[in-house]
């Protein structure tokens, strides 16, 4: 599968975007992240 995410709104200075997941009975956990650089 390929997931996509789009951020919008007022002028944005985004430093980092990432994906977290939460399965049944589990806590939310980091999957992957990427910085602007």
ModelCIF file with pLDDT and N, C-alpha, C, O atoms, coordinates in Angstrom:
data_MODEL
#
_entry.id   MODEL 
#
_entity.id                         1 
_entity.type                       polymer 
_entity.pdbx_number_of_molecules   1 
#
_entity_poly.entity_id                      1 
_entity_poly.type                           'polypeptide(L)' 
_entity_poly.nstd_linkage                   no 
_entity_poly.nstd_monomer                   no 
_entity_poly.pdbx_seq_one_letter_code       
;(UNK)(UNK)(UNK)(UNK)(UNK)(UNK)(UNK)(UNK)(UNK)(UNK)(UNK)(UNK)(UNK)(UNK)(UNK)(UNK)
(UNK)(UNK)(UNK)(UNK)(UNK)(UNK)(UNK)(UNK)(UNK)(UNK)(UNK)(UNK)(UNK)(UNK)(UNK)(UNK)
(UNK)(UNK)(UNK)(UNK)(UNK)
;
_entity_poly.pdbx_seq_one_letter_code_can   XXXXXXXXXXXXXXXXXXXXXXXXXXXXXXXXXXXXX 
_entity_poly.pdbx_strand_id                 A 
#
loop_
_entity_poly_seq.entity_id 
_entity_poly_seq.num 
_entity_poly_seq.mon_id 
_entity_poly_seq.hetero 
1 1  UNK n 
1 2  UNK n 
1 3  UNK n 
1 4  UNK n 
1 5  UNK n 
1 6  UNK n 
1 7  UNK n 
1 8  UNK n 
1 9  UNK n 
1 10 UNK n 
1 11 UNK n 
1 12 UNK n 
1 13 UNK n 
1 14 UNK n 
1 15 UNK n 
1 16 UNK n 
1 17 UNK n 
1 18 UNK n 
1 19 UNK n 
1 20 UNK n 
1 21 UNK n 
1 22 UNK n 
1 23 UNK n 
1 24 UNK n 
1 25 UNK n 
1 26 UNK n 
1 27 UNK n 
1 28 UNK n 
1 29 UNK n 
1 30 UNK n 
1 31 UNK n 
1 32 UNK n 
1 33 UNK n 
1 34 UNK n 
1 35 UNK n 
1 36 UNK n 
1 37 UNK n 
#
_struct_asym.id          A 
_struct_asym.entity_id   1 
#
loop_
_ma_qa_metric.id 
_ma_qa_metric.mode 
_ma_qa_metric.name 
_ma_qa_metric.software_group_id 
_ma_qa_metric.type 
1 global pLDDT . pLDDT 
2 local  pLDDT . pLDDT 
#
_ma_qa_metric_global.metric_id      1 
_ma_qa_metric_global.metric_value   93.22 
_ma_qa_metric_global.model_id       1 
_ma_qa_metric_global.ordinal_id     1 
#
loop_
_ma_qa_metric_local.label_asym_id 
_ma_qa_metric_local.label_comp_id 
_ma_qa_metric_local.label_seq_id 
_ma_qa_metric_local.metric_id 
_ma_qa_metric_local.metric_value 
_ma_qa_metric_local.model_id 
_ma_qa_metric_local.ordinal_id 
A UNK 1  2 98.00 1 1  
A UNK 2  2 98.00 1 2  
A UNK 3  2 98.00 1 3  
A UNK 4  2 98.00 1 4  
A UNK 5  2 97.00 1 5  
A UNK 6  2 96.00 1 6  
A UNK 7  2 94.00 1 7  
A UNK 8  2 91.00 1 8  
A UNK 9  2 83.00 1 9  
A UNK 10 2 76.00 1 10 
A UNK 11 2 69.00 1 11 
A UNK 12 2 76.00 1 12 
A UNK 13 2 89.00 1 13 
A UNK 14 2 92.00 1 14 
A UNK 15 2 94.00 1 15 
A UNK 16 2 95.00 1 16 
A UNK 17 2 96.00 1 17 
A UNK 18 2 97.00 1 18 
A UNK 19 2 98.00 1 19 
A UNK 20 2 98.00 1 20 
A UNK 21 2 98.00 1 21 
A UNK 22 2 98.00 1 22 
A UNK 23 2 95.00 1 23 
A UNK 24 2 88.00 1 24 
A UNK 25 2 89.00 1 25 
A UNK 26 2 93.00 1 26 
A UNK 27 2 95.00 1 27 
A UNK 28 2 97.00 1 28 
A UNK 29 2 97.00 1 29 
A UNK 30 2 98.00 1 30 
A UNK 31 2 98.00 1 31 
A UNK 32 2 98.00 1 32 
A UNK 33 2 98.00 1 33 
A UNK 34 2 97.00 1 34 
A UNK 35 2 95.00 1 35 
A UNK 36 2 91.00 1 36 
A UNK 37 2 91.00 1 37 
#
loop_
_atom_site.group_PDB 
_atom_site.id 
_atom_site.type_symbol 
_atom_site.label_atom_id 
_atom_site.label_alt_id 
_atom_site.label_comp_id 
_atom_site.label_asym_id 
_atom_site.label_entity_id 
_atom_site.label_seq_id 
_atom_site.pdbx_PDB_ins_code 
_atom_site.Cartn_x 
_atom_site.Cartn_y 
_atom_site.Cartn_z 
_atom_site.occupancy 
_atom_site.B_iso_or_equiv 
_atom_site.pdbx_formal_charge 
_atom_site.auth_seq_id 
_atom_site.auth_comp_id 
_atom_site.auth_asym_id 
_atom_site.auth_atom_id 
_atom_site.pdbx_PDB_model_num 
ATOM 1   N N  . UNK A 1 1  ? 0.846  -1.178 0.000  1.00 98.00 ? 1  UNK A N  1 
ATOM 2   C CA . UNK A 1 1  ? 0.000  0.000  0.000  1.00 98.00 ? 1  UNK A CA 1 
ATOM 3   C C  . UNK A 1 1  ? 0.885  1.232  0.000  1.00 98.00 ? 1  UNK A C  1 
ATOM 4   O O  . UNK A 1 1  ? 2.027  1.192  0.457  1.00 98.00 ? 1  UNK A O  1 
ATOM 5   N N  . UNK A 1 2  ? 0.350  2.319  -0.514 1.00 98.00 ? 2  UNK A N  1 
ATOM 6   C CA . UNK A 1 2  ? 1.044  3.596  -0.465 1.00 98.00 ? 2  UNK A CA 1 
ATOM 7   C C  . UNK A 1 2  ? 0.134  4.617  0.191  1.00 98.00 ? 2  UNK A C  1 
ATOM 8   O O  . UNK A 1 2  ? -0.959 4.897  -0.303 1.00 98.00 ? 2  UNK A O  1 
ATOM 9   N N  . UNK A 1 3  ? 0.585  5.169  1.301  1.00 98.00 ? 3  UNK A N  1 
ATOM 10  C CA . UNK A 1 3  ? -0.140 6.197  2.016  1.00 98.00 ? 3  UNK A CA 1 
ATOM 11  C C  . UNK A 1 3  ? 0.382  7.569  1.622  1.00 98.00 ? 3  UNK A C  1 
ATOM 12  O O  . UNK A 1 3  ? 1.575  7.748  1.378  1.00 98.00 ? 3  UNK A O  1 
ATOM 13  N N  . UNK A 1 4  ? -0.525 8.534  1.566  1.00 98.00 ? 4  UNK A N  1 
ATOM 14  C CA . UNK A 1 4  ? -0.151 9.906  1.261  1.00 98.00 ? 4  UNK A CA 1 
ATOM 15  C C  . UNK A 1 4  ? -0.732 10.836 2.308  1.00 98.00 ? 4  UNK A C  1 
ATOM 16  O O  . UNK A 1 4  ? -1.787 10.566 2.883  1.00 98.00 ? 4  UNK A O  1 
ATOM 17  N N  . UNK A 1 5  ? -0.036 11.927 2.547  1.00 97.00 ? 5  UNK A N  1 
ATOM 18  C CA . UNK A 1 5  ? -0.464 12.923 3.511  1.00 97.00 ? 5  UNK A CA 1 
ATOM 19  C C  . UNK A 1 5  ? -0.175 14.295 2.943  1.00 97.00 ? 5  UNK A C  1 
ATOM 20  O O  . UNK A 1 5  ? 0.909  14.549 2.418  1.00 97.00 ? 5  UNK A O  1 
ATOM 21  N N  . UNK A 1 6  ? -1.154 15.177 3.050  1.00 96.00 ? 6  UNK A N  1 
ATOM 22  C CA . UNK A 1 6  ? -1.005 16.541 2.575  1.00 96.00 ? 6  UNK A CA 1 
ATOM 23  C C  . UNK A 1 6  ? -1.318 17.514 3.701  1.00 96.00 ? 6  UNK A C  1 
ATOM 24  O O  . UNK A 1 6  ? -2.338 17.383 4.377  1.00 96.00 ? 6  UNK A O  1 
ATOM 25  N N  . UNK A 1 7  ? -0.449 18.480 3.897  1.00 94.00 ? 7  UNK A N  1 
ATOM 26  C CA . UNK A 1 7  ? -0.646 19.533 4.880  1.00 94.00 ? 7  UNK A CA 1 
ATOM 27  C C  . UNK A 1 7  ? -0.982 20.833 4.167  1.00 94.00 ? 7  UNK A C  1 
ATOM 28  O O  . UNK A 1 7  ? -0.397 21.153 3.131  1.00 94.00 ? 7  UNK A O  1 
ATOM 29  N N  . UNK A 1 8  ? -1.916 21.570 4.721  1.00 91.00 ? 8  UNK A N  1 
ATOM 30  C CA . UNK A 1 8  ? -2.316 22.831 4.120  1.00 91.00 ? 8  UNK A CA 1 
ATOM 31  C C  . UNK A 1 8  ? -2.793 23.778 5.209  1.00 91.00 ? 8  UNK A C  1 
ATOM 32  O O  . UNK A 1 8  ? -2.888 23.403 6.377  1.00 91.00 ? 8  UNK A O  1 
ATOM 33  N N  . UNK A 1 9  ? -3.090 25.003 4.816  1.00 83.00 ? 9  UNK A N  1 
ATOM 34  C CA . UNK A 1 9  ? -3.563 26.006 5.739  1.00 83.00 ? 9  UNK A CA 1 
ATOM 35  C C  . UNK A 1 9  ? -2.899 27.336 5.471  1.00 83.00 ? 9  UNK A C  1 
ATOM 36  O O  . UNK A 1 9  ? -2.570 27.661 4.330  1.00 83.00 ? 9  UNK A O  1 
ATOM 37  N N  . UNK A 1 10 ? -2.704 28.106 6.529  1.00 76.00 ? 10 UNK A N  1 
ATOM 38  C CA . UNK A 1 10 ? -1.968 29.347 6.393  1.00 76.00 ? 10 UNK A CA 1 
ATOM 39  C C  . UNK A 1 10 ? -0.512 29.041 6.067  1.00 76.00 ? 10 UNK A C  1 
ATOM 40  O O  . UNK A 1 10 ? -0.106 27.879 6.024  1.00 76.00 ? 10 UNK A O  1 
ATOM 41  N N  . UNK A 1 11 ? 0.263  30.085 5.841  1.00 69.00 ? 11 UNK A N  1 
ATOM 42  C CA . UNK A 1 11 ? 1.663  29.879 5.473  1.00 69.00 ? 11 UNK A CA 1 
ATOM 43  C C  . UNK A 1 11 ? 2.329  28.974 6.499  1.00 69.00 ? 11 UNK A C  1 
ATOM 44  O O  . UNK A 1 11 ? 2.287  29.232 7.701  1.00 69.00 ? 11 UNK A O  1 
ATOM 45  N N  . UNK A 1 12 ? 2.941  27.916 6.000  1.00 76.00 ? 12 UNK A N  1 
ATOM 46  C CA . UNK A 1 12 ? 3.464  26.849 6.840  1.00 76.00 ? 12 UNK A CA 1 
ATOM 47  C C  . UNK A 1 12 ? 4.973  26.737 6.697  1.00 76.00 ? 12 UNK A C  1 
ATOM 48  O O  . UNK A 1 12 ? 5.507  26.738 5.588  1.00 76.00 ? 12 UNK A O  1 
ATOM 49  N N  . UNK A 1 13 ? 5.643  26.641 7.819  1.00 89.00 ? 13 UNK A N  1 
ATOM 50  C CA . UNK A 1 13 ? 7.067  26.328 7.864  1.00 89.00 ? 13 UNK A CA 1 
ATOM 51  C C  . UNK A 1 13 ? 7.199  24.950 8.509  1.00 89.00 ? 13 UNK A C  1 
ATOM 52  O O  . UNK A 1 13 ? 7.365  24.831 9.722  1.00 89.00 ? 13 UNK A O  1 
ATOM 53  N N  . UNK A 1 14 ? 7.121  23.922 7.684  1.00 92.00 ? 14 UNK A N  1 
ATOM 54  C CA . UNK A 1 14 ? 7.137  22.553 8.178  1.00 92.00 ? 14 UNK A CA 1 
ATOM 55  C C  . UNK A 1 14 ? 8.566  22.070 8.337  1.00 92.00 ? 14 UNK A C  1 
ATOM 56  O O  . UNK A 1 14 ? 9.365  22.127 7.402  1.00 92.00 ? 14 UNK A O  1 
ATOM 57  N N  . UNK A 1 15 ? 8.875  21.596 9.527  1.00 94.00 ? 15 UNK A N  1 
ATOM 58  C CA . UNK A 1 15 ? 10.215 21.109 9.820  1.00 94.00 ? 15 UNK A CA 1 
ATOM 59  C C  . UNK A 1 15 ? 10.322 19.593 9.688  1.00 94.00 ? 15 UNK A C  1 
ATOM 60  O O  . UNK A 1 15 ? 11.379 19.070 9.337  1.00 94.00 ? 15 UNK A O  1 
ATOM 61  N N  . UNK A 1 16 ? 9.230  18.890 9.967  1.00 95.00 ? 16 UNK A N  1 
ATOM 62  C CA . UNK A 1 16 ? 9.267  17.434 9.947  1.00 95.00 ? 16 UNK A CA 1 
ATOM 63  C C  . UNK A 1 16 ? 7.868  16.894 9.724  1.00 95.00 ? 16 UNK A C  1 
ATOM 64  O O  . UNK A 1 16 ? 6.894  17.444 10.237 1.00 95.00 ? 16 UNK A O  1 
ATOM 65  N N  . UNK A 1 17 ? 7.766  15.816 8.958  1.00 96.00 ? 17 UNK A N  1 
ATOM 66  C CA . UNK A 1 17 ? 6.521  15.089 8.792  1.00 96.00 ? 17 UNK A CA 1 
ATOM 67  C C  . UNK A 1 17 ? 6.801  13.615 9.042  1.00 96.00 ? 17 UNK A C  1 
ATOM 68  O O  . UNK A 1 17 ? 7.897  13.122 8.776  1.00 96.00 ? 17 UNK A O  1 
ATOM 69  N N  . UNK A 1 18 ? 5.802  12.925 9.552  1.00 97.00 ? 18 UNK A N  1 
ATOM 70  C CA . UNK A 1 18 ? 6.011  11.526 9.840  1.00 97.00 ? 18 UNK A CA 1 
ATOM 71  C C  . UNK A 1 18 ? 4.722  10.746 9.916  1.00 97.00 ? 18 UNK A C  1 
ATOM 72  O O  . UNK A 1 18 ? 3.625  11.302 9.871  1.00 97.00 ? 18 UNK A O  1 
ATOM 73  N N  . UNK A 1 19 ? 4.884  9.440  10.032 1.00 98.00 ? 19 UNK A N  1 
ATOM 74  C CA . UNK A 1 19 ? 3.767  8.518  10.153 1.00 98.00 ? 19 UNK A CA 1 
ATOM 75  C C  . UNK A 1 19 ? 3.848  7.771  11.469 1.00 98.00 ? 19 UNK A C  1 
ATOM 76  O O  . UNK A 1 19 ? 4.900  7.248  11.837 1.00 98.00 ? 19 UNK A O  1 
ATOM 77  N N  . UNK A 1 20 ? 2.738  7.727  12.167 1.00 98.00 ? 20 UNK A N  1 
ATOM 78  C CA . UNK A 1 20 ? 2.566  6.932  13.368 1.00 98.00 ? 20 UNK A CA 1 
ATOM 79  C C  . UNK A 1 20 ? 1.424  5.963  13.140 1.00 98.00 ? 20 UNK A C  1 
ATOM 80  O O  . UNK A 1 20 ? 0.596  6.163  12.251 1.00 98.00 ? 20 UNK A O  1 
ATOM 81  N N  . UNK A 1 21 ? 1.380  4.918  13.940 1.00 98.00 ? 21 UNK A N  1 
ATOM 82  C CA . UNK A 1 21 ? 0.272  3.983  13.819 1.00 98.00 ? 21 UNK A CA 1 
ATOM 83  C C  . UNK A 1 21 ? -0.169 3.510  15.199 1.00 98.00 ? 21 UNK A C  1 
ATOM 84  O O  . UNK A 1 21 ? 0.606  3.516  16.155 1.00 98.00 ? 21 UNK A O  1 
ATOM 85  N N  . UNK A 1 22 ? -1.419 3.105  15.278 1.00 98.00 ? 22 UNK A N  1 
ATOM 86  C CA . UNK A 1 22 ? -1.980 2.590  16.511 1.00 98.00 ? 22 UNK A CA 1 
ATOM 87  C C  . UNK A 1 22 ? -2.891 1.417  16.173 1.00 98.00 ? 22 UNK A C  1 
ATOM 88  O O  . UNK A 1 22 ? -3.938 1.594  15.551 1.00 98.00 ? 22 UNK A O  1 
ATOM 89  N N  . UNK A 1 23 ? -2.491 0.230  16.580 1.00 95.00 ? 23 UNK A N  1 
ATOM 90  C CA . UNK A 1 23 ? -3.298 -0.961 16.384 1.00 95.00 ? 23 UNK A CA 1 
ATOM 91  C C  . UNK A 1 23 ? -4.208 -1.209 17.565 1.00 95.00 ? 23 UNK A C  1 
ATOM 92  O O  . UNK A 1 23 ? -4.067 -0.568 18.607 1.00 95.00 ? 23 UNK A O  1 
ATOM 93  N N  . UNK A 1 24 ? -5.145 -2.137 17.411 1.00 88.00 ? 24 UNK A N  1 
ATOM 94  C CA . UNK A 1 24 ? -6.063 -2.451 18.506 1.00 88.00 ? 24 UNK A CA 1 
ATOM 95  C C  . UNK A 1 24 ? -5.311 -2.870 19.766 1.00 88.00 ? 24 UNK A C  1 
ATOM 96  O O  . UNK A 1 24 ? -4.484 -3.782 19.732 1.00 88.00 ? 24 UNK A O  1 
ATOM 97  N N  . UNK A 1 25 ? -5.601 -2.208 20.860 1.00 89.00 ? 25 UNK A N  1 
ATOM 98  C CA . UNK A 1 25 ? -4.964 -2.525 22.125 1.00 89.00 ? 25 UNK A CA 1 
ATOM 99  C C  . UNK A 1 25 ? -3.543 -2.040 22.269 1.00 89.00 ? 25 UNK A C  1 
ATOM 100 O O  . UNK A 1 25 ? -2.900 -2.328 23.278 1.00 89.00 ? 25 UNK A O  1 
ATOM 101 N N  . UNK A 1 26 ? -3.030 -1.314 21.294 1.00 93.00 ? 26 UNK A N  1 
ATOM 102 C CA . UNK A 1 26 ? -1.654 -0.828 21.332 1.00 93.00 ? 26 UNK A CA 1 
ATOM 103 C C  . UNK A 1 26 ? -1.602 0.684  21.477 1.00 93.00 ? 26 UNK A C  1 
ATOM 104 O O  . UNK A 1 26 ? -2.581 1.387  21.224 1.00 93.00 ? 26 UNK A O  1 
ATOM 105 N N  . UNK A 1 27 ? -0.442 1.165  21.890 1.00 95.00 ? 27 UNK A N  1 
ATOM 106 C CA . UNK A 1 27 ? -0.203 2.595  21.932 1.00 95.00 ? 27 UNK A CA 1 
ATOM 107 C C  . UNK A 1 27 ? 0.258  3.085  20.563 1.00 95.00 ? 27 UNK A C  1 
ATOM 108 O O  . UNK A 1 27 ? 0.769  2.311  19.753 1.00 95.00 ? 27 UNK A O  1 
ATOM 109 N N  . UNK A 1 28 ? 0.074  4.357  20.322 1.00 97.00 ? 28 UNK A N  1 
ATOM 110 C CA . UNK A 1 28 ? 0.541  4.939  19.082 1.00 97.00 ? 28 UNK A CA 1 
ATOM 111 C C  . UNK A 1 28 ? 2.068  4.918  19.047 1.00 97.00 ? 28 UNK A C  1 
ATOM 112 O O  . UNK A 1 28 ? 2.726  5.274  20.024 1.00 97.00 ? 28 UNK A O  1 
ATOM 113 N N  . UNK A 1 29 ? 2.621  4.499  17.912 1.00 97.00 ? 29 UNK A N  1 
ATOM 114 C CA . UNK A 1 29 ? 4.057  4.367  17.789 1.00 97.00 ? 29 UNK A CA 1 
ATOM 115 C C  . UNK A 1 29 ? 4.546  4.992  16.491 1.00 97.00 ? 29 UNK A C  1 
ATOM 116 O O  . UNK A 1 29 ? 3.825  5.052  15.494 1.00 97.00 ? 29 UNK A O  1 
ATOM 117 N N  . UNK A 1 30 ? 5.782  5.452  16.530 1.00 98.00 ? 30 UNK A N  1 
ATOM 118 C CA . UNK A 1 30 ? 6.418  6.004  15.341 1.00 98.00 ? 30 UNK A CA 1 
ATOM 119 C C  . UNK A 1 30 ? 6.660  4.904  14.318 1.00 98.00 ? 30 UNK A C  1 
ATOM 120 O O  . UNK A 1 30 ? 7.142  3.824  14.658 1.00 98.00 ? 30 UNK A O  1 
ATOM 121 N N  . UNK A 1 31 ? 6.325  5.184  13.071 1.00 98.00 ? 31 UNK A N  1 
ATOM 122 C CA . UNK A 1 31 ? 6.637  4.303  11.954 1.00 98.00 ? 31 UNK A CA 1 
ATOM 123 C C  . UNK A 1 31 ? 7.828  4.849  11.174 1.00 98.00 ? 31 UNK A C  1 
ATOM 124 O O  . UNK A 1 31 ? 8.818  4.147  10.970 1.00 98.00 ? 31 UNK A O  1 
ATOM 125 N N  . UNK A 1 32 ? 7.730  6.091  10.744 1.00 98.00 ? 32 UNK A N  1 
ATOM 126 C CA . UNK A 1 32 ? 8.800  6.725  9.986  1.00 98.00 ? 32 UNK A CA 1 
ATOM 127 C C  . UNK A 1 32 ? 8.608  8.224  10.018 1.00 98.00 ? 32 UNK A C  1 
ATOM 128 O O  . UNK A 1 32 ? 7.482  8.709  10.132 1.00 98.00 ? 32 UNK A O  1 
ATOM 129 N N  . UNK A 1 33 ? 9.698  8.958  9.919  1.00 98.00 ? 33 UNK A N  1 
ATOM 130 C CA . UNK A 1 33 ? 9.634  10.408 9.873  1.00 98.00 ? 33 UNK A CA 1 
ATOM 131 C C  . UNK A 1 33 ? 10.714 10.929 8.945  1.00 98.00 ? 33 UNK A C  1 
ATOM 132 O O  . UNK A 1 33 ? 11.707 10.253 8.679  1.00 98.00 ? 33 UNK A O  1 
ATOM 133 N N  . UNK A 1 34 ? 10.505 12.138 8.460  1.00 97.00 ? 34 UNK A N  1 
ATOM 134 C CA . UNK A 1 34 ? 11.469 12.763 7.563  1.00 97.00 ? 34 UNK A CA 1 
ATOM 135 C C  . UNK A 1 34 ? 11.458 14.261 7.814  1.00 97.00 ? 34 UNK A C  1 
ATOM 136 O O  . UNK A 1 34 ? 10.397 14.874 7.924  1.00 97.00 ? 34 UNK A O  1 
ATOM 137 N N  . UNK A 1 35 ? 12.642 14.843 7.902  1.00 95.00 ? 35 UNK A N  1 
ATOM 138 C CA . UNK A 1 35 ? 12.763 16.277 8.112  1.00 95.00 ? 35 UNK A CA 1 
ATOM 139 C C  . UNK A 1 35 ? 12.779 17.007 6.785  1.00 95.00 ? 35 UNK A C  1 
ATOM 140 O O  . UNK A 1 35 ? 12.910 16.394 5.725  1.00 95.00 ? 35 UNK A O  1 
ATOM 141 N N  . UNK A 1 36 ? 12.644 18.334 6.854  1.00 91.00 ? 36 UNK A N  1 
ATOM 142 C CA . UNK A 1 36 ? 12.708 19.142 5.648  1.00 91.00 ? 36 UNK A CA 1 
ATOM 143 C C  . UNK A 1 36 ? 14.029 18.931 4.924  1.00 91.00 ? 36 UNK A C  1 
ATOM 144 O O  . UNK A 1 36 ? 14.078 18.965 3.694  1.00 91.00 ? 36 UNK A O  1 
ATOM 145 N N  . UNK A 1 37 ? 15.098 18.715 5.679  1.00 91.00 ? 37 UNK A N  1 
ATOM 146 C CA . UNK A 1 37 ? 16.395 18.487 5.092  1.00 91.00 ? 37 UNK A CA 1 
ATOM 147 C C  . UNK A 1 37 ? 16.631 17.076 4.587  1.00 91.00 ? 37 UNK A C  1 
ATOM 148 O O  . UNK A 1 37 ? 17.707 16.778 4.068  1.00 91.00 ? 37 UNK A O  1 
#
